[in-house]
Amino acid sequence: MKIHFKGLNTLRFYAAVSVVVHHIMYNPNVWYGLPNLPDTVGRFFINGTDAVHLFYVLSGFLITYLMLVEREKTGTVSVKKFYLRRILRIWPLYFALLFVAALLLPLIVANYKNPFSTPLLAALLLLFQGNIAFVLYYPFPPLEHLWSIAIEEQFYLVIPHIGKSGANMAKVFIAIIVFWWGLMGITHYWRPDDFFSIVIIYMRYDCIAIGGLCACAYYFKSPILKWIYHPLVSGLSVIVLVVIAVFIPETLGIPYTVFTAISFGVLILNVATNEKFFLKLHHPWMEVAGNWSFGIYMVHTTVQLIFLSFISTHMNEFIYQVAVYPIIITATIVLSWLSYRFFETPFLRLKDTFKVTR
């Protein structure tokens, strides 16, 4: 039974760097009122929200496939081991970042507004409710991006229980998708500026469910695969990625995000499982770089905040615009490699001891 899917680490790395580029362009304006950078490098990457949706579809695909394999192998899904694996992957770096933001950045960043000086904001971040914090307190550098981690953690509180129950996973995911699309549509068009409506729009459980549905399609060898593997359909998924990178600097409305999430699912299935797909993304160095993608996503805003606080003040505007991308991207990748090599790896080794499928 196939467990490692070639090429997905490349997509993961691309999505992570896309988020970094997006935040390099827009965070200086949000944090310090500086002008947005020209959209030059950004044309090669999808915008930050679309990149997060790609992460969601990827995560849903991989988690669901592993659960299906585990259920076939053992007859059930170990909820305890599922939670332990997620804890060991997410929590160490997550709480290390909160530690840095709460206790170290106040010592090195001038005029730093500590998110932990607000008790409710601190509680929300500690309890993986960053999506709620995002709606209530944005901006609170450098931790705003933790909204997406919160949404995944919330979804994964429930999904192993569904797997363990023996339910038809495909039907469950279809129900989640239809329900969430309906809920987003009703809340958005009824009361678009309401707190509850904004929270729902950000909680893209449908994207994770689309990834899960793609995993079911592949695992059960659904007849729909022949259409997904068709050169016109698979080629269209690549075109969509290119078009949104070049022409869509900001995520559009609900119908757009639904279409792109489905397109990401088609792309993932072709990259990972279609031997005839023309786009080959399995490269050894990208497989390695993909391992750093979580670290890249987590630490890049801290790197950016330190850069803006110390370095940019000593640069003229031209040098700043030229140097900001290579400096922040390179520093983020190096720090992510160090994190993966020396901090995350011991936890990942422990995490592997709780694997049921290998």
Protein backbone atom coordinates (compact mmCIF):
# COMPACT_ATOMS: atom_id res chain seq x y z
CA MET A 1 0.00 0.00 0.00
CA LYS A 2 1.49 3.35 -1.09
CA ILE A 3 2.27 5.69 1.79
CA HIS A 4 4.86 8.17 0.50
CA PHE A 5 3.56 10.34 -2.31
CA LYS A 6 6.26 11.78 -4.52
CA GLY A 7 6.06 15.45 -5.40
CA LEU A 8 3.84 16.61 -2.54
CA ASN A 9 6.80 17.98 -0.59
CA THR A 10 7.49 20.26 -3.55
CA LEU A 11 3.93 21.59 -3.44
CA ARG A 12 4.23 22.01 0.32
CA PHE A 13 7.47 23.99 -0.04
CA TYR A 14 5.98 26.16 -2.78
CA ALA A 15 2.94 26.94 -0.64
CA ALA A 16 5.13 27.86 2.34
CA VAL A 17 7.33 30.21 0.33
CA SER A 18 4.19 31.72 -1.24
CA VAL A 19 2.97 32.68 2.22
CA VAL A 20 6.36 34.22 3.03
CA VAL A 21 6.35 36.29 -0.16
CA HIS A 22 2.78 37.43 0.45
CA HIS A 23 3.61 38.61 3.97
CA ILE A 24 6.80 40.35 2.82
CA MET A 25 4.63 42.39 0.47
CA TYR A 26 1.82 43.32 2.87
CA ASN A 27 2.89 42.98 6.52
CA PRO A 28 5.05 46.15 6.59
CA ASN A 29 1.96 48.18 5.72
CA VAL A 30 -0.21 46.42 8.30
CA TRP A 31 2.39 46.55 11.07
CA TYR A 32 4.13 49.88 10.49
CA GLY A 33 2.15 51.75 7.85
CA LEU A 34 4.92 51.36 5.28
CA PRO A 35 4.00 51.30 1.57
CA ASN A 36 3.30 47.87 0.08
CA LEU A 37 6.12 46.50 -2.03
CA PRO A 38 5.59 46.31 -5.81
CA ASP A 39 4.15 42.99 -6.95
CA THR A 40 7.28 41.67 -8.67
CA VAL A 41 8.44 38.48 -6.94
CA GLY A 42 4.83 37.82 -5.95
CA ARG A 43 3.92 37.07 -9.55
CA PHE A 44 5.73 33.75 -9.25
CA PHE A 45 3.78 32.66 -6.19
CA ILE A 46 0.13 32.29 -5.24
CA ASN A 47 -1.25 34.68 -2.65
CA GLY A 48 -1.09 33.79 1.03
CA THR A 49 -4.70 32.76 1.54
CA ASP A 50 -4.70 30.51 -1.53
CA ALA A 51 -1.44 28.99 -0.29
CA VAL A 52 -3.06 28.18 3.06
CA HIS A 53 -5.98 26.56 1.23
CA LEU A 54 -3.47 24.47 -0.70
CA PHE A 55 -1.96 23.43 2.65
CA TYR A 56 -5.43 22.44 3.86
CA VAL A 57 -6.18 20.28 0.83
CA LEU A 58 -2.74 18.65 1.10
CA SER A 59 -3.20 17.97 4.80
CA GLY A 60 -6.68 16.55 4.35
CA PHE A 61 -5.44 14.26 1.59
CA LEU A 62 -2.51 12.85 3.54
CA ILE A 63 -4.23 12.49 6.92
CA THR A 64 -7.26 10.78 5.40
CA TYR A 65 -5.23 8.37 3.29
CA LEU A 66 -3.20 7.31 6.32
CA MET A 67 -6.38 6.75 8.32
CA LEU A 68 -7.87 4.61 5.55
CA VAL A 69 -4.73 2.49 5.40
CA GLU A 70 -4.70 2.16 9.19
CA ARG A 71 -8.34 1.13 9.24
CA GLU A 72 -7.70 -1.54 6.62
CA LYS A 73 -4.64 -2.83 8.44
CA THR A 74 -5.97 -2.85 12.01
CA GLY A 75 -9.74 -2.64 11.62
CA THR A 76 -9.86 0.69 13.45
CA VAL A 77 -8.17 4.07 13.89
CA SER A 78 -6.21 4.69 17.09
CA VAL A 79 -7.44 8.09 18.27
CA LYS A 80 -4.76 8.20 20.97
CA LYS A 81 -1.92 7.60 18.51
CA PHE A 82 -3.45 10.06 16.05
CA TYR A 83 -3.49 12.79 18.69
CA LEU A 84 0.04 11.96 19.85
CA ARG A 85 1.36 12.21 16.29
CA ARG A 86 -0.31 15.58 15.75
CA ILE A 87 0.90 16.88 19.13
CA LEU A 88 4.50 15.85 18.47
CA ARG A 89 4.45 17.44 15.02
CA ILE A 90 2.71 20.72 15.82
CA TRP A 91 3.02 21.57 19.50
CA PRO A 92 6.81 21.82 20.05
CA LEU A 93 7.42 24.49 17.42
CA TYR A 94 4.05 26.15 18.06
CA PHE A 95 4.72 26.70 21.75
CA ALA A 96 8.37 27.56 21.12
CA LEU A 97 7.14 30.36 18.86
CA LEU A 98 4.74 31.57 21.56
CA PHE A 99 7.64 31.55 24.04
CA VAL A 100 9.78 33.65 21.70
CA ALA A 101 6.94 36.10 21.08
CA ALA A 102 6.07 36.45 24.76
CA LEU A 103 9.50 36.56 26.40
CA LEU A 104 12.32 37.12 23.89
CA LEU A 105 11.01 39.58 21.33
CA PRO A 106 10.21 42.20 24.00
CA LEU A 107 13.93 42.22 24.79
CA ILE A 108 15.16 42.78 21.23
CA VAL A 109 12.41 44.58 19.29
CA ALA A 110 11.86 48.24 20.07
CA ASN A 111 8.27 49.37 20.72
CA TYR A 112 7.13 45.77 20.56
CA LYS A 113 3.45 45.24 21.31
CA ASN A 114 3.46 41.93 23.13
CA PRO A 115 0.39 39.84 22.19
CA PHE A 116 0.59 38.24 25.63
CA SER A 117 -0.05 41.55 27.35
CA THR A 118 -3.71 41.03 26.42
CA PRO A 119 -5.02 38.14 28.56
CA LEU A 120 -7.81 37.00 26.23
CA LEU A 121 -5.54 37.09 23.18
CA ALA A 122 -2.92 35.09 25.07
CA ALA A 123 -5.53 32.52 26.12
CA LEU A 124 -6.85 32.15 22.59
CA LEU A 125 -3.35 31.53 21.22
CA LEU A 126 -2.48 29.04 23.95
CA LEU A 127 -5.73 27.13 23.33
CA PHE A 128 -5.34 26.95 19.52
CA GLN A 129 -8.07 29.50 18.89
CA GLY A 130 -5.90 31.71 16.71
CA ASN A 131 -8.68 32.05 14.15
CA ILE A 132 -10.88 33.70 16.77
CA ALA A 133 -7.94 35.86 17.86
CA PHE A 134 -7.38 36.87 14.24
CA VAL A 135 -10.91 38.24 13.92
CA LEU A 136 -10.88 39.97 17.31
CA TYR A 137 -7.36 41.40 17.53
CA TYR A 138 -5.70 41.59 14.10
CA PRO A 139 -2.94 42.69 13.78
CA PHE A 140 -0.83 41.22 16.59
CA PRO A 141 2.60 40.62 15.05
CA PRO A 142 4.22 38.19 14.66
CA LEU A 143 1.50 35.65 15.50
CA GLU A 144 -1.46 36.47 13.23
CA HIS A 145 -0.68 33.58 10.89
CA LEU A 146 -1.42 31.04 13.62
CA TRP A 147 -5.10 31.28 12.64
CA SER A 148 -4.51 28.57 10.05
CA ILE A 149 -2.83 26.21 12.52
CA ALA A 150 -5.81 26.63 14.85
CA ILE A 151 -8.28 25.63 12.14
CA GLU A 152 -6.37 22.43 11.35
CA GLU A 153 -6.07 21.51 15.02
CA GLN A 154 -9.81 22.07 15.52
CA PHE A 155 -10.67 19.88 12.53
CA TYR A 156 -8.39 17.10 13.72
CA LEU A 157 -10.09 16.97 17.09
CA VAL A 158 -13.01 15.33 15.30
CA ILE A 159 -11.74 13.49 12.25
CA PRO A 160 -10.03 10.49 13.97
CA HIS A 161 -13.27 9.70 15.78
CA ILE A 162 -15.06 9.60 12.42
CA GLY A 163 -12.37 7.29 11.08
CA LYS A 164 -12.61 5.05 14.14
CA SER A 165 -16.39 4.84 13.85
CA GLY A 166 -16.12 2.98 10.55
CA ALA A 167 -18.24 5.58 8.76
CA ASN A 168 -18.06 6.00 5.01
CA MET A 169 -15.39 8.70 4.89
CA ALA A 170 -16.29 9.87 1.39
CA LYS A 171 -19.91 10.49 2.39
CA VAL A 172 -18.81 12.28 5.55
CA PHE A 173 -16.53 14.60 3.58
CA ILE A 174 -19.23 15.31 0.99
CA ALA A 175 -21.60 16.19 3.84
CA ILE A 176 -19.00 18.50 5.42
CA ILE A 177 -18.31 20.21 2.10
CA VAL A 178 -21.97 20.77 1.23
CA PHE A 179 -22.83 21.92 4.76
CA TRP A 180 -19.90 24.33 4.94
CA TRP A 181 -20.53 25.82 1.51
CA GLY A 182 -24.14 26.40 2.50
CA LEU A 183 -23.16 27.88 5.86
CA MET A 184 -20.61 30.22 4.28
CA GLY A 185 -23.08 31.34 1.64
CA ILE A 186 -25.88 32.02 4.12
CA THR A 187 -23.74 33.86 6.66
CA HIS A 188 -21.80 35.83 4.06
CA TYR A 189 -24.80 37.13 2.15
CA TRP A 190 -27.06 37.52 5.17
CA ARG A 191 -24.71 39.32 7.58
CA PRO A 192 -21.31 39.66 5.86
CA ASP A 193 -19.70 41.84 8.54
CA ASP A 194 -20.98 39.88 11.52
CA PHE A 195 -18.33 38.33 13.81
CA PHE A 196 -19.76 34.83 13.34
CA SER A 197 -19.81 35.24 9.54
CA ILE A 198 -16.18 36.31 9.41
CA VAL A 199 -15.11 33.40 11.62
CA ILE A 200 -16.97 30.95 9.35
CA ILE A 201 -15.35 32.38 6.20
CA TYR A 202 -11.89 31.75 7.65
CA MET A 203 -12.68 28.26 8.96
CA ARG A 204 -12.20 26.48 5.66
CA TYR A 205 -13.03 22.98 6.83
CA ASP A 206 -14.35 22.39 3.31
CA CYS A 207 -10.80 22.65 1.92
CA ILE A 208 -9.55 19.98 4.32
CA ALA A 209 -12.58 17.84 3.44
CA ILE A 210 -11.87 18.25 -0.28
CA GLY A 211 -8.40 16.84 0.37
CA GLY A 212 -9.95 13.98 2.32
CA LEU A 213 -12.39 13.28 -0.50
CA CYS A 214 -9.49 13.13 -2.97
CA ALA A 215 -7.78 10.59 -0.72
CA CYS A 216 -10.95 8.48 -0.71
CA ALA A 217 -11.14 8.68 -4.50
CA TYR A 218 -7.60 7.37 -4.84
CA TYR A 219 -7.80 4.79 -2.07
CA PHE A 220 -11.01 3.22 -3.36
CA LYS A 221 -9.97 3.65 -7.02
CA SER A 222 -13.06 5.68 -7.85
CA PRO A 223 -14.09 5.82 -11.54
CA ILE A 224 -13.78 9.61 -11.30
CA LEU A 225 -10.00 9.19 -11.37
CA LYS A 226 -10.06 8.59 -15.11
CA TRP A 227 -11.54 12.07 -15.54
CA ILE A 228 -9.16 13.64 -13.03
CA TYR A 229 -6.21 12.02 -14.83
CA HIS A 230 -7.42 13.20 -18.25
CA PRO A 231 -4.75 15.47 -19.79
CA LEU A 232 -7.23 18.32 -20.23
CA VAL A 233 -8.35 18.23 -16.60
CA SER A 234 -4.89 17.71 -15.13
CA GLY A 235 -3.48 20.40 -17.40
CA LEU A 236 -6.22 22.80 -16.33
CA SER A 237 -5.21 22.37 -12.68
CA VAL A 238 -1.71 23.58 -13.54
CA ILE A 239 -3.08 26.48 -15.57
CA VAL A 240 -5.24 27.53 -12.63
CA LEU A 241 -2.17 27.59 -10.36
CA VAL A 242 -0.24 29.71 -12.86
CA VAL A 243 -3.15 32.10 -13.45
CA ILE A 244 -3.78 32.78 -9.78
CA ALA A 245 -0.05 33.31 -9.20
CA VAL A 246 0.29 35.82 -12.04
CA PHE A 247 -3.07 37.58 -12.00
CA ILE A 248 -4.73 37.16 -8.58
CA PRO A 249 -2.83 39.11 -5.86
CA GLU A 250 -5.67 38.74 -3.34
CA THR A 251 -8.11 35.87 -2.78
CA LEU A 252 -11.55 36.62 -4.21
CA GLY A 253 -14.98 35.52 -2.97
CA ILE A 254 -16.41 32.18 -1.93
CA PRO A 255 -17.05 30.76 -5.45
CA TYR A 256 -13.42 31.49 -6.34
CA THR A 257 -12.05 29.70 -3.27
CA VAL A 258 -14.32 26.71 -3.89
CA PHE A 259 -13.05 26.44 -7.46
CA THR A 260 -9.39 26.80 -6.50
CA ALA A 261 -9.67 24.26 -3.67
CA ILE A 262 -11.13 21.70 -6.08
CA SER A 263 -8.40 22.56 -8.58
CA PHE A 264 -5.76 22.03 -5.89
CA GLY A 265 -7.27 18.61 -5.16
CA VAL A 266 -7.02 17.66 -8.84
CA LEU A 267 -3.42 18.88 -8.96
CA ILE A 268 -2.48 16.93 -5.83
CA LEU A 269 -3.97 13.70 -7.17
CA ASN A 270 -2.11 14.07 -10.45
CA VAL A 271 1.22 15.02 -8.89
CA ALA A 272 1.04 12.23 -6.31
CA THR A 273 -0.66 9.36 -8.10
CA ASN A 274 -0.75 9.86 -11.89
CA GLU A 275 2.36 8.31 -13.44
CA LYS A 276 1.51 9.88 -16.81
CA PHE A 277 1.21 13.42 -15.49
CA PHE A 278 3.55 15.71 -17.41
CA LEU A 279 4.56 17.81 -14.40
CA LYS A 280 7.18 15.89 -12.43
CA LEU A 281 7.81 17.50 -9.05
CA HIS A 282 9.80 14.75 -7.40
CA HIS A 283 13.29 16.16 -6.96
CA PRO A 284 15.57 15.05 -4.10
CA TRP A 285 16.39 18.56 -2.92
CA MET A 286 12.73 19.56 -2.97
CA GLU A 287 11.81 16.48 -0.97
CA VAL A 288 14.26 17.68 1.67
CA ALA A 289 13.12 21.31 1.48
CA GLY A 290 9.51 20.20 1.88
CA ASN A 291 10.40 18.89 5.33
CA TRP A 292 11.16 22.46 6.35
CA SER A 293 7.84 23.86 5.14
CA PHE A 294 6.17 23.83 8.56
CA GLY A 295 9.11 25.67 10.05
CA ILE A 296 9.10 28.15 7.18
CA TYR A 297 5.45 28.89 7.77
CA MET A 298 5.87 29.22 11.52
CA VAL A 299 9.01 31.36 11.83
CA HIS A 300 8.87 33.68 8.82
CA THR A 301 6.82 36.44 10.48
CA THR A 302 9.25 36.56 13.42
CA VAL A 303 12.14 36.86 10.99
CA GLN A 304 10.28 39.63 9.18
CA LEU A 305 9.49 41.52 12.38
CA ILE A 306 13.14 41.47 13.47
CA PHE A 307 14.26 42.54 9.99
CA LEU A 308 11.84 45.45 9.89
CA SER A 309 12.83 46.52 13.40
CA PHE A 310 16.59 46.47 12.92
CA ILE A 311 17.72 46.32 9.34
CA SER A 312 15.19 48.18 7.22
CA THR A 313 15.67 51.38 9.26
CA HIS A 314 19.26 51.56 7.97
CA MET A 315 18.36 51.13 4.29
CA ASN A 316 17.13 53.60 1.74
CA GLU A 317 13.91 52.70 -0.07
CA PHE A 318 15.59 51.30 -3.20
CA ILE A 319 17.97 49.02 -1.31
CA TYR A 320 15.13 47.92 0.96
CA GLN A 321 12.95 46.91 -1.97
CA VAL A 322 15.81 44.99 -3.59
CA ALA A 323 17.11 43.32 -0.44
CA VAL A 324 13.96 42.50 1.51
CA TYR A 325 12.96 39.40 -0.46
CA PRO A 326 16.32 37.57 -0.55
CA ILE A 327 17.19 38.47 3.03
CA ILE A 328 13.91 37.39 4.63
CA ILE A 329 13.41 34.30 2.45
CA THR A 330 17.00 33.13 2.95
CA ALA A 331 16.99 33.81 6.69
CA THR A 332 13.65 32.03 7.05
CA ILE A 333 14.84 28.94 5.17
CA VAL A 334 18.09 28.78 7.15
CA LEU A 335 16.29 29.16 10.48
CA SER A 336 13.73 26.55 9.41
CA TRP A 337 16.49 24.11 8.52
CA LEU A 338 18.11 24.67 11.91
CA SER A 339 14.75 24.20 13.62
CA TYR A 340 14.06 20.99 11.71
CA ARG A 341 17.54 19.58 12.23
CA PHE A 342 18.10 20.38 15.88
CA PHE A 343 14.71 21.06 17.45
CA GLU A 344 11.94 19.29 15.55
CA THR A 345 13.74 16.06 14.59
CA PRO A 346 13.83 14.53 18.11
CA PHE A 347 10.08 15.04 18.40
CA LEU A 348 9.55 13.62 14.91
CA ARG A 349 11.50 10.50 15.85
CA LEU A 350 9.28 10.08 18.87
CA LYS A 351 6.25 10.73 16.66
CA ASP A 352 7.33 7.88 14.37
CA THR A 353 7.05 5.42 17.24
CA PHE A 354 3.28 6.02 17.21
CA LYS A 355 2.86 5.31 13.51
CA VAL A 356 0.54 2.47 12.63
CA THR A 357 1.21 2.63 8.87
CA ARG A 358 4.68 3.13 7.40
